[in-house]
Amino acid sequence: MRRDPPPSTGPGRVRSSRSVGAFLGLTPRRDQFGDTERVGAISKAGGPAARVALLEAAHVLPTRVARWSAPKAWGVRLAQRRGAKRAKVALARKLAGILHRMWGSGSDFRSGTPAAAMEG
């Protein structure tokens, strides 16, 4: 059975919403030296424009947006546990997955109720 090559643009370019963060370079860079493995800063693979836009959105969402949503609540809780910089990159990766899913299905973002966003 022959498979067609993936499209050059569009949501089909990335296999799943989970892997879109790695496609954009929002995963930790790993270096190995013998038995030692060092986890560094983000890998910066893919296009810088999309990565910069997602990181800026991830910075603005918890700090400037007044309305609560599930991603905002998740990012704020993560920032309290792990620190603001790690939470910013993790939230950017989560936003990339949400946007990929929205693009593939053609749906709009639904933030939900503020109470549900604070619990989740």
C-alpha atoms as a PDB file:
ATOM      1  CA  MET A   1       0.000   0.000   0.000  1.00  0.00           C
ATOM      2  CA  ARG A   2       1.466   3.335  -1.068  1.00  0.00           C
ATOM      3  CA  ARG A   3       1.106   6.435   1.049  1.00  0.00           C
ATOM      4  CA  ASP A   4       0.886   9.928  -0.349  1.00  0.00           C
ATOM      5  CA  PRO A   5       3.468  12.407   0.928  1.00  0.00           C
ATOM      6  CA  PRO A   6       2.202  14.772   3.619  1.00  0.00           C
ATOM      7  CA  PRO A   7       0.971  18.161   2.414  1.00  0.00           C
ATOM      8  CA  SER A   8       3.487  21.001   2.544  1.00  0.00           C
ATOM      9  CA  THR A   9       1.094  23.290   4.420  1.00  0.00           C
ATOM     10  CA  GLY A  10      -1.928  22.707   6.574  1.00  0.00           C
ATOM     11  CA  PRO A  11      -2.666  20.715   9.711  1.00  0.00           C
ATOM     12  CA  GLY A  12      -1.838  17.421   7.978  1.00  0.00           C
ATOM     13  CA  ARG A  13       1.846  18.354   7.913  1.00  0.00           C
ATOM     14  CA  VAL A  14       2.160  17.355  11.579  1.00  0.00           C
ATOM     15  CA  ARG A  15       0.986  13.885  12.514  1.00  0.00           C
ATOM     16  CA  SER A  16      -0.737  14.769  15.794  1.00  0.00           C
ATOM     17  CA  SER A  17      -1.530  17.771  17.967  1.00  0.00           C
ATOM     18  CA  ARG A  18       0.783  16.372  20.600  1.00  0.00           C
ATOM     19  CA  SER A  19       3.812  16.494  18.298  1.00  0.00           C
ATOM     20  CA  VAL A  20       3.238  20.017  16.958  1.00  0.00           C
ATOM     21  CA  GLY A  21       5.269  21.462  19.880  1.00  0.00           C
ATOM     22  CA  ALA A  22       8.333  19.482  18.806  1.00  0.00           C
ATOM     23  CA  PHE A  23       7.741  20.521  15.181  1.00  0.00           C
ATOM     24  CA  LEU A  24       7.940  24.180  16.268  1.00  0.00           C
ATOM     25  CA  GLY A  25      10.951  23.712  18.553  1.00  0.00           C
ATOM     26  CA  LEU A  26       9.128  24.018  21.873  1.00  0.00           C
ATOM     27  CA  THR A  27      10.721  20.935  23.439  1.00  0.00           C
ATOM     28  CA  PRO A  28      13.856  20.728  25.583  1.00  0.00           C
ATOM     29  CA  ARG A  29      17.160  20.174  23.814  1.00  0.00           C
ATOM     30  CA  ARG A  30      18.952  17.107  25.107  1.00  0.00           C
ATOM     31  CA  ASP A  31      22.703  16.586  24.960  1.00  0.00           C
ATOM     32  CA  GLN A  32      24.415  13.325  25.908  1.00  0.00           C
ATOM     33  CA  PHE A  33      28.027  12.940  26.922  1.00  0.00           C
ATOM     34  CA  GLY A  34      28.674   9.288  27.692  1.00  0.00           C
ATOM     35  CA  ASP A  35      26.555   8.460  30.732  1.00  0.00           C
ATOM     36  CA  THR A  36      25.580  12.084  31.382  1.00  0.00           C
ATOM     37  CA  GLU A  37      22.439  13.571  29.875  1.00  0.00           C
ATOM     38  CA  ARG A  38      21.877  17.314  30.046  1.00  0.00           C
ATOM     39  CA  VAL A  39      18.452  18.849  29.392  1.00  0.00           C
ATOM     40  CA  GLY A  40      18.847  22.393  28.125  1.00  0.00           C
ATOM     41  CA  ALA A  41      16.768  25.202  26.687  1.00  0.00           C
ATOM     42  CA  ILE A  42      14.208  24.797  23.900  1.00  0.00           C
ATOM     43  CA  SER A  43      15.477  23.200  20.698  1.00  0.00           C
ATOM     44  CA  LYS A  44      14.426  26.051  18.355  1.00  0.00           C
ATOM     45  CA  ALA A  45      13.595  23.693  15.496  1.00  0.00           C
ATOM     46  CA  GLY A  46      11.131  24.870  12.881  1.00  0.00           C
ATOM     47  CA  GLY A  47      10.175  28.413  12.026  1.00  0.00           C
ATOM     48  CA  PRO A  48      11.004  31.184  14.503  1.00  0.00           C
ATOM     49  CA  ALA A  49       7.954  33.346  13.691  1.00  0.00           C
ATOM     50  CA  ALA A  50       5.410  30.792  14.924  1.00  0.00           C
ATOM     51  CA  ARG A  51       7.503  30.012  18.010  1.00  0.00           C
ATOM     52  CA  VAL A  52       7.855  33.703  18.920  1.00  0.00           C
ATOM     53  CA  ALA A  53       4.114  34.310  18.453  1.00  0.00           C
ATOM     54  CA  LEU A  54       3.215  31.307  20.635  1.00  0.00           C
ATOM     55  CA  LEU A  55       5.690  32.302  23.367  1.00  0.00           C
ATOM     56  CA  GLU A  56       4.328  35.840  23.366  1.00  0.00           C
ATOM     57  CA  ALA A  57       0.746  34.544  23.602  1.00  0.00           C
ATOM     58  CA  ALA A  58       1.802  32.237  26.438  1.00  0.00           C
ATOM     59  CA  HIS A  59       3.287  35.223  28.260  1.00  0.00           C
ATOM     60  CA  VAL A  60       0.258  37.467  27.727  1.00  0.00           C
ATOM     61  CA  LEU A  61      -2.436  34.892  28.581  1.00  0.00           C
ATOM     62  CA  PRO A  62      -1.708  34.489  32.321  1.00  0.00           C
ATOM     63  CA  THR A  63      -0.534  38.072  32.903  1.00  0.00           C
ATOM     64  CA  ARG A  64      -2.734  40.400  30.809  1.00  0.00           C
ATOM     65  CA  VAL A  65      -5.925  38.540  29.887  1.00  0.00           C
ATOM     66  CA  ALA A  66      -8.620  39.133  32.506  1.00  0.00           C
ATOM     67  CA  ARG A  67     -11.001  36.361  31.421  1.00  0.00           C
ATOM     68  CA  TRP A  68     -10.290  32.883  32.795  1.00  0.00           C
ATOM     69  CA  SER A  69     -10.021  29.891  30.504  1.00  0.00           C
ATOM     70  CA  ALA A  70      -8.815  26.333  31.005  1.00  0.00           C
ATOM     71  CA  PRO A  71      -5.376  26.997  29.409  1.00  0.00           C
ATOM     72  CA  LYS A  72      -4.923  30.133  31.530  1.00  0.00           C
ATOM     73  CA  ALA A  73      -5.808  28.310  34.748  1.00  0.00           C
ATOM     74  CA  TRP A  74      -3.482  25.433  33.803  1.00  0.00           C
ATOM     75  CA  GLY A  75      -0.631  27.864  33.066  1.00  0.00           C
ATOM     76  CA  VAL A  76      -1.086  29.777  36.329  1.00  0.00           C
ATOM     77  CA  ARG A  77      -1.056  26.558  38.383  1.00  0.00           C
ATOM     78  CA  LEU A  78       2.031  25.338  36.541  1.00  0.00           C
ATOM     79  CA  ALA A  79       3.816  28.665  37.106  1.00  0.00           C
ATOM     80  CA  GLN A  80       3.182  28.363  40.837  1.00  0.00           C
ATOM     81  CA  ARG A  81       4.648  24.847  40.886  1.00  0.00           C
ATOM     82  CA  ARG A  82       7.510  25.025  38.373  1.00  0.00           C
ATOM     83  CA  GLY A  83       8.259  28.701  37.762  1.00  0.00           C
ATOM     84  CA  ALA A  84       7.145  31.285  35.230  1.00  0.00           C
ATOM     85  CA  LYS A  85       9.681  30.551  32.473  1.00  0.00           C
ATOM     86  CA  ARG A  86       8.985  26.822  32.308  1.00  0.00           C
ATOM     87  CA  ALA A  87       5.259  27.462  32.495  1.00  0.00           C
ATOM     88  CA  LYS A  88       5.518  29.923  29.602  1.00  0.00           C
ATOM     89  CA  VAL A  89       7.138  27.354  27.298  1.00  0.00           C
ATOM     90  CA  ALA A  90       4.762  24.594  28.422  1.00  0.00           C
ATOM     91  CA  LEU A  91       1.754  26.859  27.844  1.00  0.00           C
ATOM     92  CA  ALA A  92       3.079  27.794  24.387  1.00  0.00           C
ATOM     93  CA  ARG A  93       3.345  24.073  23.566  1.00  0.00           C
ATOM     94  CA  LYS A  94      -0.216  23.509  24.827  1.00  0.00           C
ATOM     95  CA  LEU A  95      -1.523  26.467  22.798  1.00  0.00           C
ATOM     96  CA  ALA A  96       0.203  25.048  19.700  1.00  0.00           C
ATOM     97  CA  GLY A  97      -1.645  21.760  20.212  1.00  0.00           C
ATOM     98  CA  ILE A  98      -4.966  23.534  20.717  1.00  0.00           C
ATOM     99  CA  LEU A  99      -4.457  25.664  17.612  1.00  0.00           C
ATOM    100  CA  HIS A 100      -3.470  22.620  15.544  1.00  0.00           C
ATOM    101  CA  ARG A 101      -6.617  20.799  16.633  1.00  0.00           C
ATOM    102  CA  MET A 102      -8.775  23.853  15.897  1.00  0.00           C
ATOM    103  CA  TRP A 103      -7.180  24.230  12.456  1.00  0.00           C
ATOM    104  CA  GLY A 104      -7.723  20.585  11.596  1.00  0.00           C
ATOM    105  CA  SER A 105     -11.356  20.516  12.658  1.00  0.00           C
ATOM    106  CA  GLY A 106     -12.242  24.075  11.590  1.00  0.00           C
ATOM    107  CA  SER A 107     -13.729  24.846  15.012  1.00  0.00           C
ATOM    108  CA  ASP A 108     -13.569  27.977  17.168  1.00  0.00           C
ATOM    109  CA  PHE A 109     -11.992  28.269  20.620  1.00  0.00           C
ATOM    110  CA  ARG A 110     -14.478  27.783  23.468  1.00  0.00           C
ATOM    111  CA  SER A 111     -13.149  28.975  26.784  1.00  0.00           C
ATOM    112  CA  GLY A 112     -15.895  27.499  28.962  1.00  0.00           C
ATOM    113  CA  THR A 113     -17.241  28.961  32.170  1.00  0.00           C
ATOM    114  CA  PRO A 114     -14.871  30.755  34.574  1.00  0.00           C
ATOM    115  CA  ALA A 115     -15.721  28.342  37.401  1.00  0.00           C
ATOM    116  CA  ALA A 116     -14.942  25.292  35.266  1.00  0.00           C
ATOM    117  CA  ALA A 117     -11.675  26.867  34.128  1.00  0.00           C
ATOM    118  CA  MET A 118     -10.549  27.492  37.704  1.00  0.00           C
ATOM    119  CA  GLU A 119     -11.260  23.875  38.755  1.00  0.00           C
ATOM    120  CA  GLY A 120      -9.758  22.046  35.779  1.00  0.00           C
END
